[in-house]
N, C-alpha and C. Protein backbone atom coordinates (compact mmCIF):
# COMPACT_ATOMS: atom_id res chain seq x y z
N MET A 1 0.85 -1.19 0.00
CA MET A 1 0.00 0.00 0.00
C MET A 1 0.89 1.24 0.00
N PRO A 2 0.66 2.16 -0.93
CA PRO A 2 1.50 3.35 -1.00
C PRO A 2 1.28 4.28 0.19
N THR A 3 2.33 4.97 0.56
CA THR A 3 2.24 5.95 1.63
C THR A 3 1.93 7.30 1.00
N ILE A 4 0.72 7.77 1.22
CA ILE A 4 0.23 9.02 0.62
C ILE A 4 0.39 10.15 1.62
N ASP A 5 0.93 11.27 1.16
CA ASP A 5 1.11 12.45 2.00
C ASP A 5 0.07 13.48 1.59
N PRO A 6 -0.79 13.92 2.51
CA PRO A 6 -1.83 14.90 2.16
C PRO A 6 -1.25 16.23 1.69
N ARG A 7 -0.02 16.52 2.06
CA ARG A 7 0.60 17.77 1.59
C ARG A 7 0.83 17.73 0.08
N ILE A 8 1.05 16.54 -0.45
CA ILE A 8 1.23 16.43 -1.90
C ILE A 8 -0.11 16.61 -2.60
N ASP A 9 -1.19 16.10 -1.98
CA ASP A 9 -2.53 16.36 -2.53
C ASP A 9 -2.77 17.86 -2.62
N ALA A 10 -2.40 18.59 -1.56
CA ALA A 10 -2.59 20.04 -1.54
C ALA A 10 -1.70 20.71 -2.58
N HIS A 11 -0.49 20.22 -2.75
CA HIS A 11 0.43 20.78 -3.74
C HIS A 11 -0.13 20.60 -5.15
N ILE A 12 -0.67 19.44 -5.43
CA ILE A 12 -1.26 19.18 -6.75
C ILE A 12 -2.49 20.06 -6.95
N ALA A 13 -3.29 20.21 -5.91
CA ALA A 13 -4.50 21.04 -6.02
C ALA A 13 -4.16 22.50 -6.29
N LYS A 14 -3.03 22.98 -5.76
CA LYS A 14 -2.62 24.37 -5.98
C LYS A 14 -2.00 24.59 -7.35
N ALA A 15 -1.57 23.51 -8.01
CA ALA A 15 -0.91 23.64 -9.31
C ALA A 15 -1.90 24.11 -10.37
N GLY A 16 -1.36 24.60 -11.48
CA GLY A 16 -2.20 25.07 -12.58
C GLY A 16 -3.04 23.95 -13.17
N GLU A 17 -4.09 24.34 -13.88
CA GLU A 17 -5.02 23.37 -14.48
C GLU A 17 -4.29 22.38 -15.39
N PHE A 18 -3.31 22.88 -16.17
CA PHE A 18 -2.57 22.02 -17.10
C PHE A 18 -1.67 21.03 -16.36
N ALA A 19 -1.22 21.39 -15.15
CA ALA A 19 -0.22 20.60 -14.43
C ALA A 19 -0.82 19.44 -13.65
N ARG A 20 -2.04 19.57 -13.19
CA ARG A 20 -2.62 18.54 -12.32
C ARG A 20 -2.61 17.14 -12.94
N PRO A 21 -3.07 16.98 -14.19
CA PRO A 21 -3.05 15.62 -14.75
C PRO A 21 -1.64 15.04 -14.88
N VAL A 22 -0.66 15.89 -15.18
CA VAL A 22 0.72 15.42 -15.32
C VAL A 22 1.25 14.96 -13.97
N LEU A 23 1.04 15.77 -12.94
CA LEU A 23 1.50 15.42 -11.59
C LEU A 23 0.82 14.15 -11.08
N GLU A 24 -0.49 14.05 -11.31
CA GLU A 24 -1.22 12.86 -10.85
C GLU A 24 -0.77 11.61 -11.59
N ARG A 25 -0.48 11.74 -12.89
CA ARG A 25 -0.04 10.58 -13.67
C ARG A 25 1.32 10.10 -13.18
N PHE A 26 2.24 11.04 -12.96
CA PHE A 26 3.57 10.64 -12.48
C PHE A 26 3.47 10.01 -11.10
N ARG A 27 2.67 10.58 -10.24
CA ARG A 27 2.49 10.05 -8.89
C ARG A 27 1.94 8.63 -8.95
N ALA A 28 0.94 8.41 -9.78
CA ALA A 28 0.35 7.07 -9.91
C ALA A 28 1.37 6.07 -10.46
N LEU A 29 2.16 6.51 -11.44
CA LEU A 29 3.19 5.63 -12.01
C LEU A 29 4.22 5.22 -10.97
N VAL A 30 4.66 6.18 -10.18
CA VAL A 30 5.66 5.89 -9.16
C VAL A 30 5.11 4.88 -8.15
N HIS A 31 3.88 5.10 -7.70
CA HIS A 31 3.29 4.19 -6.70
C HIS A 31 2.99 2.82 -7.30
N ARG A 32 2.67 2.77 -8.58
CA ARG A 32 2.39 1.48 -9.21
C ARG A 32 3.68 0.67 -9.36
N GLU A 33 4.77 1.34 -9.75
CA GLU A 33 6.02 0.64 -10.02
C GLU A 33 6.86 0.40 -8.76
N ILE A 34 6.82 1.33 -7.83
CA ILE A 34 7.58 1.20 -6.58
C ILE A 34 6.59 1.34 -5.43
N PRO A 35 5.86 0.29 -5.10
CA PRO A 35 4.79 0.40 -4.10
C PRO A 35 5.26 0.74 -2.69
N ASP A 36 6.52 0.46 -2.35
CA ASP A 36 6.96 0.76 -0.99
C ASP A 36 7.64 2.12 -0.87
N CYS A 37 7.49 2.98 -1.88
CA CYS A 37 8.05 4.33 -1.78
C CYS A 37 7.18 5.18 -0.85
N VAL A 38 7.78 6.21 -0.31
CA VAL A 38 7.10 7.09 0.64
C VAL A 38 7.11 8.50 0.07
N GLU A 39 6.00 9.18 0.20
CA GLU A 39 5.90 10.55 -0.28
C GLU A 39 6.41 11.51 0.80
N ALA A 40 7.00 12.59 0.33
CA ALA A 40 7.51 13.62 1.26
C ALA A 40 7.60 14.94 0.52
N ILE A 41 7.63 16.02 1.28
CA ILE A 41 7.88 17.34 0.70
C ILE A 41 9.31 17.70 1.07
N LYS A 42 10.13 17.91 0.06
CA LYS A 42 11.52 18.31 0.28
C LYS A 42 11.82 19.49 -0.62
N TRP A 43 12.44 20.51 -0.06
CA TRP A 43 12.74 21.73 -0.79
C TRP A 43 11.47 22.35 -1.38
N GLY A 44 10.36 22.15 -0.70
CA GLY A 44 9.08 22.72 -1.13
C GLY A 44 8.45 22.00 -2.30
N MET A 45 8.95 20.82 -2.66
CA MET A 45 8.43 20.08 -3.81
C MET A 45 8.10 18.64 -3.40
N PRO A 46 7.12 18.05 -4.07
CA PRO A 46 6.81 16.64 -3.80
C PRO A 46 7.96 15.73 -4.20
N HIS A 47 8.30 14.82 -3.32
CA HIS A 47 9.37 13.85 -3.57
C HIS A 47 8.87 12.46 -3.21
N PHE A 48 9.55 11.48 -3.75
CA PHE A 48 9.30 10.09 -3.42
C PHE A 48 10.61 9.53 -2.89
N THR A 49 10.55 8.90 -1.72
CA THR A 49 11.76 8.35 -1.11
C THR A 49 11.61 6.84 -0.97
N LEU A 50 12.75 6.19 -0.93
CA LEU A 50 12.78 4.74 -0.76
C LEU A 50 13.84 4.45 0.30
N ARG A 51 13.44 3.81 1.38
CA ARG A 51 14.33 3.51 2.51
C ARG A 51 15.07 4.76 2.99
N GLY A 52 14.33 5.89 3.02
CA GLY A 52 14.89 7.13 3.52
C GLY A 52 15.75 7.91 2.54
N LYS A 53 15.94 7.40 1.33
CA LYS A 53 16.77 8.07 0.32
C LYS A 53 15.87 8.65 -0.76
N ASN A 54 16.25 9.83 -1.28
CA ASN A 54 15.48 10.47 -2.34
C ASN A 54 15.53 9.63 -3.61
N LEU A 55 14.35 9.39 -4.19
CA LEU A 55 14.24 8.60 -5.41
C LEU A 55 13.90 9.48 -6.60
N ALA A 56 12.82 10.24 -6.48
CA ALA A 56 12.36 11.09 -7.59
C ALA A 56 11.55 12.24 -7.01
N GLY A 57 11.29 13.20 -7.87
CA GLY A 57 10.50 14.35 -7.44
C GLY A 57 9.79 14.97 -8.62
N MET A 58 8.90 15.89 -8.30
CA MET A 58 8.16 16.59 -9.35
C MET A 58 7.88 18.00 -8.87
N ALA A 59 7.79 18.92 -9.83
CA ALA A 59 7.55 20.31 -9.47
C ALA A 59 6.68 20.95 -10.54
N ALA A 60 5.72 21.76 -10.11
CA ALA A 60 4.85 22.48 -11.04
C ALA A 60 5.26 23.95 -11.05
N PHE A 61 5.40 24.48 -12.24
CA PHE A 61 5.73 25.89 -12.42
C PHE A 61 4.58 26.57 -13.16
N LYS A 62 4.73 27.84 -13.51
CA LYS A 62 3.64 28.59 -14.16
C LYS A 62 3.26 27.99 -15.51
N ALA A 63 4.26 27.58 -16.28
CA ALA A 63 3.98 27.13 -17.64
C ALA A 63 4.38 25.69 -17.92
N HIS A 64 4.97 25.01 -16.95
CA HIS A 64 5.38 23.63 -17.20
C HIS A 64 5.54 22.85 -15.89
N VAL A 65 5.72 21.56 -16.05
CA VAL A 65 5.96 20.65 -14.94
C VAL A 65 7.31 19.99 -15.18
N SER A 66 8.09 19.78 -14.13
CA SER A 66 9.35 19.06 -14.23
C SER A 66 9.26 17.79 -13.39
N VAL A 67 9.79 16.73 -13.95
CA VAL A 67 9.88 15.46 -13.25
C VAL A 67 11.36 15.10 -13.24
N PHE A 68 11.89 14.70 -12.08
CA PHE A 68 13.32 14.42 -12.01
C PHE A 68 13.58 13.20 -11.15
N PHE A 69 14.72 12.58 -11.43
CA PHE A 69 15.15 11.38 -10.73
C PHE A 69 16.48 11.70 -10.06
N HIS A 70 16.59 11.39 -8.78
CA HIS A 70 17.81 11.72 -8.05
C HIS A 70 18.96 10.81 -8.49
N HIS A 71 20.15 11.40 -8.48
CA HIS A 71 21.38 10.70 -8.87
C HIS A 71 21.25 10.13 -10.28
N ASP A 72 20.57 10.88 -11.15
CA ASP A 72 20.35 10.43 -12.53
C ASP A 72 21.63 10.58 -13.33
N GLU A 73 22.03 9.52 -13.98
CA GLU A 73 23.25 9.55 -14.78
C GLU A 73 22.96 9.33 -16.25
N GLN A 74 21.75 9.61 -16.68
CA GLN A 74 21.39 9.43 -18.08
C GLN A 74 22.05 10.50 -18.93
N PRO A 75 22.51 10.16 -20.14
CA PRO A 75 23.08 11.19 -21.01
C PRO A 75 22.00 12.20 -21.39
N GLY A 76 22.37 13.46 -21.39
CA GLY A 76 21.40 14.49 -21.73
C GLY A 76 20.61 14.99 -20.54
N GLY A 77 20.96 14.55 -19.35
CA GLY A 77 20.27 15.03 -18.15
C GLY A 77 18.82 14.62 -18.09
N THR A 78 17.95 15.55 -17.70
CA THR A 78 16.54 15.22 -17.53
C THR A 78 15.81 15.13 -18.86
N GLY A 79 16.35 15.73 -19.91
CA GLY A 79 15.78 15.61 -21.26
C GLY A 79 14.30 15.90 -21.33
N PRO A 80 13.50 14.92 -21.76
CA PRO A 80 12.07 15.16 -21.96
C PRO A 80 11.30 15.37 -20.66
N PHE A 81 11.93 15.16 -19.53
CA PHE A 81 11.26 15.32 -18.24
C PHE A 81 11.36 16.74 -17.69
N ARG A 82 12.19 17.57 -18.31
CA ARG A 82 12.46 18.90 -17.78
C ARG A 82 11.27 19.84 -17.91
N LYS A 83 10.68 19.91 -19.11
CA LYS A 83 9.56 20.84 -19.33
C LYS A 83 8.42 20.08 -19.99
N ILE A 84 7.43 19.79 -19.18
CA ILE A 84 6.23 19.11 -19.67
C ILE A 84 5.09 20.11 -19.53
N ALA A 85 4.57 20.57 -20.67
CA ALA A 85 3.54 21.62 -20.64
C ALA A 85 2.12 21.06 -20.63
N SER A 86 1.96 19.80 -20.98
CA SER A 86 0.63 19.19 -20.97
C SER A 86 0.77 17.68 -20.86
N LEU A 87 -0.34 17.02 -20.64
CA LEU A 87 -0.32 15.56 -20.54
C LEU A 87 0.11 14.92 -21.86
N ASP A 88 -0.15 15.61 -22.97
CA ASP A 88 0.26 15.09 -24.28
C ASP A 88 1.78 15.03 -24.40
N GLN A 89 2.48 15.90 -23.69
CA GLN A 89 3.94 15.93 -23.75
C GLN A 89 4.60 15.00 -22.73
N PHE A 90 3.79 14.34 -21.93
CA PHE A 90 4.35 13.43 -20.93
C PHE A 90 5.12 12.33 -21.65
N PRO A 91 6.35 12.05 -21.22
CA PRO A 91 7.16 11.03 -21.90
C PRO A 91 6.50 9.66 -21.88
N ASP A 92 6.97 8.82 -22.76
CA ASP A 92 6.47 7.46 -22.88
C ASP A 92 6.54 6.76 -21.52
N GLU A 93 5.47 6.03 -21.19
CA GLU A 93 5.38 5.37 -19.89
C GLU A 93 6.53 4.41 -19.67
N GLU A 94 6.95 3.69 -20.70
CA GLU A 94 8.06 2.75 -20.57
C GLU A 94 9.36 3.47 -20.21
N GLN A 95 9.54 4.66 -20.78
CA GLN A 95 10.73 5.45 -20.48
C GLN A 95 10.73 5.88 -19.01
N VAL A 96 9.58 6.29 -18.51
CA VAL A 96 9.46 6.69 -17.11
C VAL A 96 9.75 5.50 -16.20
N ILE A 97 9.17 4.36 -16.53
CA ILE A 97 9.36 3.15 -15.72
C ILE A 97 10.84 2.75 -15.71
N GLN A 98 11.47 2.83 -16.88
CA GLN A 98 12.89 2.48 -16.97
C GLN A 98 13.73 3.39 -16.08
N ARG A 99 13.46 4.69 -16.12
CA ARG A 99 14.23 5.63 -15.30
C ARG A 99 13.96 5.40 -13.81
N LEU A 100 12.72 5.07 -13.45
CA LEU A 100 12.40 4.79 -12.05
C LEU A 100 13.18 3.58 -11.54
N HIS A 101 13.18 2.52 -12.32
CA HIS A 101 13.88 1.31 -11.89
C HIS A 101 15.39 1.53 -11.86
N ALA A 102 15.90 2.35 -12.78
CA ALA A 102 17.33 2.69 -12.75
C ALA A 102 17.66 3.47 -11.48
N ALA A 103 16.76 4.37 -11.08
CA ALA A 103 16.98 5.14 -9.85
C ALA A 103 16.98 4.22 -8.63
N VAL A 104 16.08 3.25 -8.61
CA VAL A 104 16.03 2.28 -7.50
C VAL A 104 17.33 1.48 -7.47
N GLU A 105 17.81 1.08 -8.64
CA GLU A 105 19.05 0.32 -8.73
C GLU A 105 20.23 1.14 -8.19
N ARG A 106 20.27 2.42 -8.56
CA ARG A 106 21.36 3.28 -8.07
C ARG A 106 21.29 3.44 -6.55
N LEU A 107 20.07 3.56 -6.03
CA LEU A 107 19.93 3.68 -4.57
C LEU A 107 20.42 2.41 -3.88
N SER A 108 20.09 1.26 -4.45
CA SER A 108 20.49 -0.01 -3.84
C SER A 108 22.01 -0.17 -3.85
N SER A 109 22.64 0.19 -4.97
CA SER A 109 24.09 0.04 -5.05
C SER A 109 24.81 1.11 -4.23
N ALA A 110 24.22 2.29 -4.11
CA ALA A 110 24.86 3.37 -3.35
C ALA A 110 24.87 3.06 -1.86
N SER A 111 23.87 2.35 -1.37
CA SER A 111 23.81 2.09 0.06
C SER A 111 24.87 1.08 0.50
N THR A 112 25.31 0.19 -0.42
CA THR A 112 26.30 -0.80 -0.04
C THR A 112 27.72 -0.27 -0.20
N ALA A 113 27.91 0.72 -1.05
CA ALA A 113 29.24 1.26 -1.27
C ALA A 113 29.61 2.19 -0.11
N SER A 114 30.84 2.06 0.35
CA SER A 114 31.30 2.95 1.41
C SER A 114 32.66 3.50 1.04
N LYS A 115 32.93 4.67 1.53
CA LYS A 115 34.19 5.33 1.22
C LYS A 115 35.31 4.65 2.01
N PRO A 116 36.42 4.32 1.34
CA PRO A 116 37.51 3.68 2.08
C PRO A 116 38.12 4.66 3.07
N LYS A 117 38.52 4.12 4.20
CA LYS A 117 39.10 4.94 5.25
C LYS A 117 40.52 5.34 4.86
N ALA A 118 40.83 6.60 5.05
CA ALA A 118 42.16 7.11 4.73
C ALA A 118 43.17 6.60 5.75
N ALA A 119 44.35 6.26 5.26
CA ALA A 119 45.41 5.80 6.15
C ALA A 119 45.95 7.00 6.93
N PRO A 120 46.27 6.80 8.20
CA PRO A 120 46.79 7.92 8.98
C PRO A 120 48.13 8.40 8.40
N LYS A 121 48.32 9.70 8.46
CA LYS A 121 49.54 10.30 7.96
C LYS A 121 50.69 9.93 8.89
N PRO A 122 51.80 9.43 8.36
CA PRO A 122 52.90 9.03 9.25
C PRO A 122 53.61 10.25 9.84
N VAL A 123 54.19 10.04 11.01
CA VAL A 123 54.97 11.09 11.65
C VAL A 123 56.32 11.16 10.92
N PRO A 124 56.71 12.34 10.42
CA PRO A 124 57.99 12.43 9.70
C PRO A 124 59.18 12.22 10.63
N ASP A 125 60.32 11.95 10.03
CA ASP A 125 61.54 11.76 10.81
C ASP A 125 61.90 13.06 11.53
N MET A 126 62.33 12.90 12.76
CA MET A 126 62.67 14.06 13.58
C MET A 126 64.07 14.56 13.18
N PRO A 127 64.20 15.87 12.92
CA PRO A 127 65.53 16.41 12.63
C PRO A 127 66.46 16.22 13.84
N SER A 128 67.71 15.96 13.57
CA SER A 128 68.65 15.69 14.67
C SER A 128 68.80 16.90 15.59
N SER A 129 68.72 18.11 15.02
CA SER A 129 68.85 19.32 15.86
C SER A 129 67.68 19.42 16.84
N PHE A 130 66.49 18.98 16.43
CA PHE A 130 65.34 19.01 17.32
C PHE A 130 65.46 17.91 18.38
N ALA A 131 65.94 16.73 17.96
CA ALA A 131 66.14 15.63 18.91
C ALA A 131 67.16 16.02 19.98
N ASP A 132 68.23 16.72 19.56
CA ASP A 132 69.24 17.17 20.53
C ASP A 132 68.65 18.18 21.51
N ALA A 133 67.74 19.04 21.03
CA ALA A 133 67.12 20.06 21.88
C ALA A 133 66.18 19.44 22.91
N LEU A 134 65.69 18.24 22.64
CA LEU A 134 64.79 17.56 23.57
C LEU A 134 65.57 16.69 24.56
N GLU A 135 66.76 17.15 24.96
CA GLU A 135 67.61 16.36 25.84
C GLU A 135 67.07 16.26 27.26
N ASP A 136 66.30 17.25 27.71
CA ASP A 136 65.71 17.21 29.05
C ASP A 136 64.69 16.07 29.07
N ALA A 137 64.83 15.17 30.04
CA ALA A 137 63.98 13.98 30.09
C ALA A 137 62.50 14.33 30.25
N ALA A 138 62.20 15.36 31.04
CA ALA A 138 60.79 15.74 31.26
C ALA A 138 60.17 16.25 29.97
N VAL A 139 60.92 17.07 29.23
CA VAL A 139 60.42 17.60 27.96
C VAL A 139 60.26 16.46 26.95
N ARG A 140 61.25 15.58 26.91
CA ARG A 140 61.22 14.45 25.97
C ARG A 140 60.02 13.54 26.27
N ASP A 141 59.75 13.30 27.55
CA ASP A 141 58.62 12.46 27.94
C ASP A 141 57.29 13.11 27.54
N ARG A 142 57.20 14.42 27.72
CA ARG A 142 55.97 15.12 27.31
C ARG A 142 55.77 15.04 25.81
N PHE A 143 56.87 15.20 25.06
CA PHE A 143 56.77 15.12 23.60
C PHE A 143 56.35 13.72 23.17
N ASP A 144 56.95 12.70 23.78
CA ASP A 144 56.61 11.31 23.43
C ASP A 144 55.18 10.96 23.83
N ALA A 145 54.64 11.63 24.85
CA ALA A 145 53.28 11.36 25.30
C ALA A 145 52.22 12.02 24.41
N MET A 146 52.65 12.94 23.55
CA MET A 146 51.69 13.63 22.66
C MET A 146 51.15 12.66 21.61
N ALA A 147 50.00 12.99 21.09
CA ALA A 147 49.40 12.20 20.02
C ALA A 147 50.28 12.32 18.77
N PRO A 148 50.25 11.31 17.89
CA PRO A 148 51.08 11.37 16.68
C PRO A 148 50.85 12.63 15.84
N GLY A 149 49.61 13.07 15.77
CA GLY A 149 49.32 14.28 15.00
C GLY A 149 49.94 15.52 15.62
N GLN A 150 49.98 15.58 16.94
CA GLN A 150 50.59 16.73 17.62
C GLN A 150 52.11 16.73 17.42
N ARG A 151 52.71 15.54 17.49
CA ARG A 151 54.16 15.45 17.24
C ARG A 151 54.47 15.83 15.79
N ARG A 152 53.62 15.36 14.88
CA ARG A 152 53.80 15.67 13.46
C ARG A 152 53.73 17.18 13.22
N GLU A 153 52.80 17.87 13.88
CA GLU A 153 52.67 19.32 13.70
C GLU A 153 53.95 20.03 14.12
N TYR A 154 54.52 19.65 15.24
CA TYR A 154 55.77 20.28 15.69
C TYR A 154 56.91 20.00 14.70
N ILE A 155 57.05 18.74 14.30
CA ILE A 155 58.16 18.38 13.41
C ILE A 155 58.01 19.07 12.05
N GLU A 156 56.80 19.07 11.50
CA GLU A 156 56.58 19.74 10.20
C GLU A 156 56.85 21.23 10.31
N TRP A 157 56.46 21.84 11.41
CA TRP A 157 56.68 23.27 11.61
C TRP A 157 58.18 23.59 11.59
N ILE A 158 58.96 22.73 12.22
CA ILE A 158 60.41 22.95 12.27
C ILE A 158 61.04 22.67 10.90
N VAL A 159 60.64 21.60 10.25
CA VAL A 159 61.22 21.22 8.96
C VAL A 159 60.87 22.24 7.87
N GLU A 160 59.71 22.87 7.97
CA GLU A 160 59.27 23.82 6.95
C GLU A 160 60.01 25.16 7.02
N ALA A 161 60.79 25.39 8.04
CA ALA A 161 61.54 26.65 8.16
C ALA A 161 62.51 26.76 6.98
N LYS A 162 62.52 27.93 6.33
CA LYS A 162 63.34 28.10 5.13
C LYS A 162 64.80 28.45 5.44
N THR A 163 65.03 29.05 6.57
CA THR A 163 66.42 29.41 6.93
C THR A 163 66.82 28.72 8.22
N VAL A 164 68.11 28.61 8.40
CA VAL A 164 68.65 27.97 9.61
C VAL A 164 68.28 28.78 10.84
N THR A 165 68.30 30.10 10.71
CA THR A 165 67.96 30.98 11.83
C THR A 165 66.51 30.74 12.28
N THR A 166 65.62 30.66 11.31
CA THR A 166 64.20 30.42 11.64
C THR A 166 64.04 29.05 12.29
N ARG A 167 64.75 28.06 11.77
CA ARG A 167 64.65 26.70 12.33
C ARG A 167 65.11 26.71 13.79
N LYS A 168 66.19 27.40 14.09
CA LYS A 168 66.69 27.46 15.47
C LYS A 168 65.68 28.14 16.39
N LYS A 169 65.08 29.24 15.92
CA LYS A 169 64.06 29.94 16.72
C LYS A 169 62.87 29.03 16.99
N ARG A 170 62.46 28.30 15.98
CA ARG A 170 61.31 27.41 16.14
C ARG A 170 61.62 26.27 17.10
N ILE A 171 62.83 25.76 17.05
CA ILE A 171 63.21 24.68 17.97
C ILE A 171 63.17 25.19 19.41
N VAL A 172 63.71 26.37 19.65
CA VAL A 172 63.69 26.96 21.00
C VAL A 172 62.25 27.15 21.47
N GLN A 173 61.41 27.70 20.58
CA GLN A 173 60.00 27.94 20.92
C GLN A 173 59.27 26.61 21.18
N ALA A 174 59.54 25.60 20.34
CA ALA A 174 58.89 24.29 20.49
C ALA A 174 59.26 23.65 21.82
N VAL A 175 60.53 23.69 22.18
CA VAL A 175 60.97 23.09 23.45
C VAL A 175 60.28 23.79 24.62
N GLU A 176 60.16 25.11 24.54
CA GLU A 176 59.49 25.87 25.60
C GLU A 176 58.03 25.44 25.72
N TRP A 177 57.33 25.39 24.58
CA TRP A 177 55.91 25.03 24.61
C TRP A 177 55.70 23.58 25.06
N ILE A 178 56.54 22.68 24.58
CA ILE A 178 56.41 21.27 24.98
C ILE A 178 56.64 21.14 26.48
N GLY A 179 57.62 21.87 27.01
CA GLY A 179 57.89 21.86 28.45
C GLY A 179 56.69 22.33 29.26
N GLU A 180 55.90 23.24 28.67
CA GLU A 180 54.69 23.74 29.34
C GLU A 180 53.48 22.85 29.06
N GLY A 181 53.68 21.79 28.26
CA GLY A 181 52.58 20.88 27.94
C GLY A 181 51.63 21.40 26.88
N LYS A 182 52.10 22.31 26.04
CA LYS A 182 51.24 22.92 25.02
C LYS A 182 51.44 22.23 23.67
N THR A 183 50.36 22.17 22.91
CA THR A 183 50.45 21.64 21.55
C THR A 183 50.93 22.75 20.63
N ARG A 184 51.21 22.43 19.40
CA ARG A 184 51.77 23.38 18.44
C ARG A 184 50.85 24.60 18.26
N ASN A 185 49.58 24.40 18.07
CA ASN A 185 48.65 25.51 17.83
C ASN A 185 47.79 25.79 19.06
N TRP A 186 48.42 25.80 20.21
CA TRP A 186 47.69 25.96 21.46
C TRP A 186 46.96 27.29 21.55
N GLU A 187 47.45 28.33 20.85
CA GLU A 187 46.81 29.66 20.95
C GLU A 187 45.40 29.65 20.37
N TYR A 188 45.16 28.75 19.42
CA TYR A 188 43.88 28.74 18.70
C TYR A 188 42.87 27.75 19.27
N GLN A 189 43.26 27.01 20.29
CA GLN A 189 42.35 26.04 20.88
C GLN A 189 41.44 26.72 21.88
N LYS A 190 40.20 26.24 21.91
CA LYS A 190 39.25 26.79 22.87
C LYS A 190 39.57 26.24 24.25
N CYS A 191 39.44 27.09 25.24
CA CYS A 191 39.74 26.69 26.62
C CYS A 191 38.57 25.97 27.24
């Protein structure tokens, strides 16, 4: 049994005289072909969802009706579905059914695909001058206790220095901050 939303009935009733038959035909086709779809209003337009994912939608304008399928990868985009001015211009029923089933197929395959997890960025090698500066055991222990990302930020900051003078200043500053238990960007952290 299709899930009917009374807001879509109201939306169709508010549409122009030419648009009502087109909207009703598309709605009936969607419910006939995908009986477990659910109606919803999204972005102010009637939509059909399947398992919580957007499947298709329709919109009535002053002079035409648009019918669209989410995540549509058909060549030419929406093509004959973009501007339908009357029921006579409604695309072939088989074409609509084909696009609906293709949309369902895309939804099914999209739900199983997941983005691969990115590998953590490795901590770069510590410059020997920085390792020598961490000779105090308490400072060295604090540095070793930091998260890999925090250690990486300090090392990258020192390595990125363009001159030897800048590198030395950064090493002195880093040792001071590490001794105080501060991370590299401690000034920007919320307290």
